[in-house]
Amino acid sequence: MLDKIINKVVQKTGISQEHAAAAVTTVVDFLKNKLPAPMASQLEAILNGEEPSDLLGSAKEKIASLFKK
């Protein structure tokens, strides 16, 4: 996914692959440092081509389990 974003930046701006990679990496690193840890890991998963976990579903399950006891 990261390669797709880099290629899109190259296409849209006309800058070199190296400069686009540096720009995208800078933005992604910034986001990962500013986002809460669970969201940052979701971003990382998406960029690595993985399916992000269902945070909302997990939260619902945990809340529901509190009332089952």
PDB file of N, CA and C in Angstrom:
ATOM      1  N   MET A   1       0.825  -1.191   0.000  1.00  0.00           N
ATOM      2  CA  MET A   1       0.000   0.000   0.000  1.00  0.00           C
ATOM      3  C   MET A   1       0.869   1.255   0.000  1.00  0.00           C
ATOM      4  N   LEU A   2       1.955   1.211   0.743  1.00  0.00           N
ATOM      5  CA  LEU A   2       2.846   2.361   0.796  1.00  0.00           C
ATOM      6  C   LEU A   2       3.399   2.682  -0.587  1.00  0.00           C
ATOM      7  N   ASP A   3       3.725   1.648  -1.350  1.00  0.00           N
ATOM      8  CA  ASP A   3       4.217   1.859  -2.717  1.00  0.00           C
ATOM      9  C   ASP A   3       3.168   2.529  -3.591  1.00  0.00           C
ATOM     10  N   LYS A   4       1.912   2.145  -3.403  1.00  0.00           N
ATOM     11  CA  LYS A   4       0.833   2.770  -4.178  1.00  0.00           C
ATOM     12  C   LYS A   4       0.712   4.247  -3.858  1.00  0.00           C
ATOM     13  N   ILE A   5       0.834   4.579  -2.583  1.00  0.00           N
ATOM     14  CA  ILE A   5       0.750   5.986  -2.180  1.00  0.00           C
ATOM     15  C   ILE A   5       1.932   6.764  -2.747  1.00  0.00           C
ATOM     16  N   ILE A   6       3.106   6.193  -2.653  1.00  0.00           N
ATOM     17  CA  ILE A   6       4.305   6.854  -3.198  1.00  0.00           C
ATOM     18  C   ILE A   6       4.149   7.071  -4.698  1.00  0.00           C
ATOM     19  N   ASN A   7       3.697   6.048  -5.413  1.00  0.00           N
ATOM     20  CA  ASN A   7       3.501   6.187  -6.858  1.00  0.00           C
ATOM     21  C   ASN A   7       2.456   7.244  -7.192  1.00  0.00           C
ATOM     22  N   LYS A   8       1.415   7.346  -6.384  1.00  0.00           N
ATOM     23  CA  LYS A   8       0.374   8.358  -6.614  1.00  0.00           C
ATOM     24  C   LYS A   8       0.960   9.753  -6.413  1.00  0.00           C
ATOM     25  N   VAL A   9       1.814   9.918  -5.412  1.00  0.00           N
ATOM     26  CA  VAL A   9       2.465  11.209  -5.179  1.00  0.00           C
ATOM     27  C   VAL A   9       3.360  11.558  -6.361  1.00  0.00           C
ATOM     28  N   VAL A  10       4.101  10.583  -6.871  1.00  0.00           N
ATOM     29  CA  VAL A  10       4.952  10.818  -8.047  1.00  0.00           C
ATOM     30  C   VAL A  10       4.099  11.260  -9.228  1.00  0.00           C
ATOM     31  N   GLN A  11       3.002  10.557  -9.473  1.00  0.00           N
ATOM     32  CA  GLN A  11       2.119  10.895 -10.599  1.00  0.00           C
ATOM     33  C   GLN A  11       1.519  12.291 -10.464  1.00  0.00           C
ATOM     34  N   LYS A  12       1.064  12.612  -9.271  1.00  0.00           N
ATOM     35  CA  LYS A  12       0.363  13.884  -9.060  1.00  0.00           C
ATOM     36  C   LYS A  12       1.292  15.086  -9.002  1.00  0.00           C
ATOM     37  N   THR A  13       2.518  14.876  -8.527  1.00  0.00           N
ATOM     38  CA  THR A  13       3.411  16.019  -8.322  1.00  0.00           C
ATOM     39  C   THR A  13       4.561  16.095  -9.311  1.00  0.00           C
ATOM     40  N   GLY A  14       4.930  14.950  -9.878  1.00  0.00           N
ATOM     41  CA  GLY A  14       6.054  14.933 -10.796  1.00  0.00           C
ATOM     42  C   GLY A  14       7.411  14.894 -10.098  1.00  0.00           C
ATOM     43  N   ILE A  15       7.411  14.738  -8.775  1.00  0.00           N
ATOM     44  CA  ILE A  15       8.691  14.645  -8.075  1.00  0.00           C
ATOM     45  C   ILE A  15       9.262  13.234  -8.223  1.00  0.00           C
ATOM     46  N   SER A  16      10.523  13.092  -7.870  1.00  0.00           N
ATOM     47  CA  SER A  16      11.178  11.793  -8.030  1.00  0.00           C
ATOM     48  C   SER A  16      10.610  10.776  -7.042  1.00  0.00           C
ATOM     49  N   GLN A  17      10.838   9.513  -7.365  1.00  0.00           N
ATOM     50  CA  GLN A  17      10.414   8.408  -6.499  1.00  0.00           C
ATOM     51  C   GLN A  17      11.035   8.562  -5.104  1.00  0.00           C
ATOM     52  N   GLU A  18      12.300   8.946  -5.070  1.00  0.00           N
ATOM     53  CA  GLU A  18      13.013   9.090  -3.796  1.00  0.00           C
ATOM     54  C   GLU A  18      12.417  10.199  -2.944  1.00  0.00           C
ATOM     55  N   HIS A  19      12.119  11.344  -3.581  1.00  0.00           N
ATOM     56  CA  HIS A  19      11.519  12.449  -2.833  1.00  0.00           C
ATOM     57  C   HIS A  19      10.104  12.110  -2.384  1.00  0.00           C
ATOM     58  N   ALA A  20       9.368  11.438  -3.225  1.00  0.00           N
ATOM     59  CA  ALA A  20       8.008  11.039  -2.853  1.00  0.00           C
ATOM     60  C   ALA A  20       8.049  10.057  -1.683  1.00  0.00           C
ATOM     61  N   ALA A  21       8.974   9.110  -1.720  1.00  0.00           N
ATOM     62  CA  ALA A  21       9.110   8.144  -0.625  1.00  0.00           C
ATOM     63  C   ALA A  21       9.456   8.857   0.679  1.00  0.00           C
ATOM     64  N   ALA A  22      10.350   9.825   0.606  1.00  0.00           N
ATOM     65  CA  ALA A  22      10.729  10.585   1.800  1.00  0.00           C
ATOM     66  C   ALA A  22       9.536  11.363   2.349  1.00  0.00           C
ATOM     67  N   ALA A  23       8.771  11.982   1.462  1.00  0.00           N
ATOM     68  CA  ALA A  23       7.602  12.759   1.890  1.00  0.00           C
ATOM     69  C   ALA A  23       6.545  11.864   2.528  1.00  0.00           C
ATOM     70  N   VAL A  24       6.238  10.755   1.883  1.00  0.00           N
ATOM     71  CA  VAL A  24       5.223   9.845   2.398  1.00  0.00           C
ATOM     72  C   VAL A  24       5.672   9.245   3.731  1.00  0.00           C
ATOM     73  N   THR A  25       6.918   8.850   3.818  1.00  0.00           N
ATOM     74  CA  THR A  25       7.437   8.286   5.064  1.00  0.00           C
ATOM     75  C   THR A  25       7.363   9.309   6.190  1.00  0.00           C
ATOM     76  N   THR A  26       7.673  10.550   5.892  1.00  0.00           N
ATOM     77  CA  THR A  26       7.605  11.616   6.892  1.00  0.00           C
ATOM     78  C   THR A  26       6.185  11.795   7.405  1.00  0.00           C
ATOM     79  N   VAL A  27       5.223  11.813   6.498  1.00  0.00           N
ATOM     80  CA  VAL A  27       3.819  11.979   6.888  1.00  0.00           C
ATOM     81  C   VAL A  27       3.333  10.776   7.693  1.00  0.00           C
ATOM     82  N   VAL A  28       3.651   9.586   7.243  1.00  0.00           N
ATOM     83  CA  VAL A  28       3.219   8.373   7.949  1.00  0.00           C
ATOM     84  C   VAL A  28       3.835   8.330   9.347  1.00  0.00           C
ATOM     85  N   ASP A  29       5.111   8.640   9.471  1.00  0.00           N
ATOM     86  CA  ASP A  29       5.756   8.658  10.782  1.00  0.00           C
ATOM     87  C   ASP A  29       5.117   9.691  11.698  1.00  0.00           C
ATOM     88  N   PHE A  30       4.805  10.853  11.142  1.00  0.00           N
ATOM     89  CA  PHE A  30       4.144  11.899  11.921  1.00  0.00           C
ATOM     90  C   PHE A  30       2.797  11.404  12.443  1.00  0.00           C
ATOM     91  N   LEU A  31       2.017  10.799  11.553  1.00  0.00           N
ATOM     92  CA  LEU A  31       0.700  10.295  11.963  1.00  0.00           C
ATOM     93  C   LEU A  31       0.813   9.212  13.024  1.00  0.00           C
ATOM     94  N   LYS A  32       1.743   8.294  12.842  1.00  0.00           N
ATOM     95  CA  LYS A  32       1.908   7.210  13.815  1.00  0.00           C
ATOM     96  C   LYS A  32       2.309   7.749  15.184  1.00  0.00           C
ATOM     97  N   ASN A  33       3.070   8.835  15.216  1.00  0.00           N
ATOM     98  CA  ASN A  33       3.479   9.431  16.493  1.00  0.00           C
ATOM     99  C   ASN A  33       2.370  10.253  17.141  1.00  0.00           C
ATOM    100  N   LYS A  34       1.456  10.784  16.350  1.00  0.00           N
ATOM    101  CA  LYS A  34       0.402  11.649  16.881  1.00  0.00           C
ATOM    102  C   LYS A  34      -0.893  10.897  17.197  1.00  0.00           C
ATOM    103  N   LEU A  35      -1.130   9.794  16.528  1.00  0.00           N
ATOM    104  CA  LEU A  35      -2.355   9.030  16.753  1.00  0.00           C
ATOM    105  C   LEU A  35      -2.256   8.212  18.030  1.00  0.00           C
ATOM    106  N   PRO A  36      -3.397   7.940  18.665  1.00  0.00           N
ATOM    107  CA  PRO A  36      -3.376   7.005  19.789  1.00  0.00           C
ATOM    108  C   PRO A  36      -2.857   5.646  19.306  1.00  0.00           C
ATOM    109  N   ALA A  37      -2.201   4.913  20.192  1.00  0.00           N
ATOM    110  CA  ALA A  37      -1.548   3.656  19.826  1.00  0.00           C
ATOM    111  C   ALA A  37      -2.448   2.696  19.047  1.00  0.00           C
ATOM    112  N   PRO A  38      -3.702   2.481  19.469  1.00  0.00           N
ATOM    113  CA  PRO A  38      -4.537   1.548  18.691  1.00  0.00           C
ATOM    114  C   PRO A  38      -4.769   2.014  17.249  1.00  0.00           C
ATOM    115  N   MET A  39      -4.933   3.311  17.064  1.00  0.00           N
ATOM    116  CA  MET A  39      -5.142   3.832  15.709  1.00  0.00           C
ATOM    117  C   MET A  39      -3.854   3.767  14.898  1.00  0.00           C
ATOM    118  N   ALA A  40      -2.733   4.029  15.549  1.00  0.00           N
ATOM    119  CA  ALA A  40      -1.450   3.952  14.858  1.00  0.00           C
ATOM    120  C   ALA A  40      -1.186   2.534  14.377  1.00  0.00           C
ATOM    121  N   SER A  41      -1.546   1.548  15.196  1.00  0.00           N
ATOM    122  CA  SER A  41      -1.336   0.161  14.770  1.00  0.00           C
ATOM    123  C   SER A  41      -2.279  -0.210  13.637  1.00  0.00           C
ATOM    124  N   GLN A  42      -3.473   0.379  13.623  1.00  0.00           N
ATOM    125  CA  GLN A  42      -4.399   0.159  12.513  1.00  0.00           C
ATOM    126  C   GLN A  42      -3.823   0.742  11.220  1.00  0.00           C
ATOM    127  N   LEU A  43      -3.269   1.933  11.322  1.00  0.00           N
ATOM    128  CA  LEU A  43      -2.637   2.569  10.166  1.00  0.00           C
ATOM    129  C   LEU A  43      -1.495   1.709   9.649  1.00  0.00           C
ATOM    130  N   GLU A  44      -0.673   1.231  10.565  1.00  0.00           N
ATOM    131  CA  GLU A  44       0.457   0.370  10.195  1.00  0.00           C
ATOM    132  C   GLU A  44      -0.039  -0.882   9.471  1.00  0.00           C
ATOM    133  N   ALA A  45      -1.100  -1.482   9.991  1.00  0.00           N
ATOM    134  CA  ALA A  45      -1.660  -2.691   9.376  1.00  0.00           C
ATOM    135  C   ALA A  45      -2.141  -2.408   7.962  1.00  0.00           C
ATOM    136  N   ILE A  46      -2.855  -1.309   7.787  1.00  0.00           N
ATOM    137  CA  ILE A  46      -3.372  -0.949   6.457  1.00  0.00           C
ATOM    138  C   ILE A  46      -2.224  -0.719   5.484  1.00  0.00           C
ATOM    139  N   LEU A  47      -1.207   0.008   5.922  1.00  0.00           N
ATOM    140  CA  LEU A  47      -0.071   0.305   5.049  1.00  0.00           C
ATOM    141  C   LEU A  47       0.728  -0.939   4.700  1.00  0.00           C
ATOM    142  N   ASN A  48       0.681  -1.945   5.565  1.00  0.00           N
ATOM    143  CA  ASN A  48       1.369  -3.211   5.295  1.00  0.00           C
ATOM    144  C   ASN A  48       0.494  -4.178   4.514  1.00  0.00           C
ATOM    145  N   GLY A  49      -0.689  -3.722   4.100  1.00  0.00           N
ATOM    146  CA  GLY A  49      -1.571  -4.562   3.303  1.00  0.00           C
ATOM    147  C   GLY A  49      -2.356  -5.574   4.101  1.00  0.00           C
ATOM    148  N   GLU A  50      -2.365  -5.418   5.418  1.00  0.00           N
ATOM    149  CA  GLU A  50      -3.103  -6.334   6.272  1.00  0.00           C
ATOM    150  C   GLU A  50      -4.511  -5.801   6.515  1.00  0.00           C
ATOM    151  N   GLU A  51      -5.375  -6.685   6.969  1.00  0.00           N
ATOM    152  CA  GLU A  51      -6.701  -6.269   7.369  1.00  0.00           C
ATOM    153  C   GLU A  51      -6.609  -5.714   8.782  1.00  0.00           C
ATOM    154  N   PRO A  52      -7.041  -4.473   8.977  1.00  0.00           N
ATOM    155  CA  PRO A  52      -7.005  -3.939  10.337  1.00  0.00           C
ATOM    156  C   PRO A  52      -8.026  -4.654  11.208  1.00  0.00           C
ATOM    157  N   SER A  53      -7.730  -4.769  12.492  1.00  0.00           N
ATOM    158  CA  SER A  53      -8.672  -5.427  13.390  1.00  0.00           C
ATOM    159  C   SER A  53      -9.886  -4.533  13.577  1.00  0.00           C
ATOM    160  N   ASP A  54     -10.952  -5.141  13.959  1.00  0.00           N
ATOM    161  CA  ASP A  54     -12.208  -4.423  14.148  1.00  0.00           C
ATOM    162  C   ASP A  54     -12.246  -3.867  15.565  1.00  0.00           C
ATOM    163  N   LEU A  55     -11.767  -2.645  15.730  1.00  0.00           N
ATOM    164  CA  LEU A  55     -11.727  -2.039  17.057  1.00  0.00           C
ATOM    165  C   LEU A  55     -13.113  -1.841  17.632  1.00  0.00           C
ATOM    166  N   LEU A  56     -14.046  -1.405  16.808  1.00  0.00           N
ATOM    167  CA  LEU A  56     -15.407  -1.183  17.290  1.00  0.00           C
ATOM    168  C   LEU A  56     -16.030  -2.492  17.721  1.00  0.00           C
ATOM    169  N   GLY A  57     -15.850  -3.542  16.934  1.00  0.00           N
ATOM    170  CA  GLY A  57     -16.377  -4.850  17.293  1.00  0.00           C
ATOM    171  C   GLY A  57     -15.774  -5.355  18.584  1.00  0.00           C
ATOM    172  N   SER A  58     -14.495  -5.161  18.763  1.00  0.00           N
ATOM    173  CA  SER A  58     -13.827  -5.583  19.997  1.00  0.00           C
ATOM    174  C   SER A  58     -14.377  -4.824  21.189  1.00  0.00           C
ATOM    175  N   ALA A  59     -14.582  -3.543  21.020  1.00  0.00           N
ATOM    176  CA  ALA A  59     -15.123  -2.739  22.121  1.00  0.00           C
ATOM    177  C   ALA A  59     -16.525  -3.200  22.484  1.00  0.00           C
ATOM    178  N   LYS A  60     -17.350  -3.482  21.475  1.00  0.00           N
ATOM    179  CA  LYS A  60     -18.706  -3.967  21.743  1.00  0.00           C
ATOM    180  C   LYS A  60     -18.678  -5.280  22.507  1.00  0.00           C
ATOM    181  N   GLU A  61     -17.797  -6.185  22.102  1.00  0.00           N
ATOM    182  CA  GLU A  61     -17.688  -7.478  22.781  1.00  0.00           C
ATOM    183  C   GLU A  61     -17.254  -7.311  24.228  1.00  0.00           C
ATOM    184  N   LYS A  62     -16.312  -6.436  24.486  1.00  0.00           N
ATOM    185  CA  LYS A  62     -15.835  -6.237  25.844  1.00  0.00           C
ATOM    186  C   LYS A  62     -16.922  -5.622  26.707  1.00  0.00           C
ATOM    187  N   ILE A  63     -17.644  -4.658  26.171  1.00  0.00           N
ATOM    188  CA  ILE A  63     -18.733  -4.045  26.934  1.00  0.00           C
ATOM    189  C   ILE A  63     -19.834  -5.069  27.200  1.00  0.00           C
ATOM    190  N   ALA A  64     -20.176  -5.835  26.196  1.00  0.00           N
ATOM    191  CA  ALA A  64     -21.215  -6.867  26.375  1.00  0.00           C
ATOM    192  C   ALA A  64     -20.811  -7.887  27.417  1.00  0.00           C
ATOM    193  N   SER A  65     -19.533  -8.245  27.448  1.00  0.00           N
ATOM    194  CA  SER A  65     -19.080  -9.249  28.409  1.00  0.00           C
ATOM    195  C   SER A  65     -19.190  -8.734  29.846  1.00  0.00           C
ATOM    196  N   LEU A  66     -19.130  -7.433  30.041  1.00  0.00           N
ATOM    197  CA  LEU A  66     -19.275  -6.869  31.382  1.00  0.00           C
ATOM    198  C   LEU A  66     -20.671  -7.113  31.948  1.00  0.00           C
ATOM    199  N   PHE A  67     -21.663  -7.128  31.056  1.00  0.00           N
ATOM    200  CA  PHE A  67     -23.036  -7.294  31.499  1.00  0.00           C
ATOM    201  C   PHE A  67     -23.473  -8.751  31.572  1.00  0.00           C
ATOM    202  N   LYS A  68     -22.665  -9.648  31.060  1.00  0.00           N
ATOM    203  CA  LYS A  68     -23.002 -11.076  31.082  1.00  0.00           C
ATOM    204  C   LYS A  68     -22.630 -11.724  32.410  1.00  0.00           C
ATOM    205  N   LYS A  69     -21.798 -11.062  33.179  1.00  0.00           N
ATOM    206  CA  LYS A  69     -21.313 -11.651  34.440  1.00  0.00           C
ATOM    207  C   LYS A  69     -22.323 -11.560  35.538  1.00  0.00           C
TER     208      LYS A  69
END
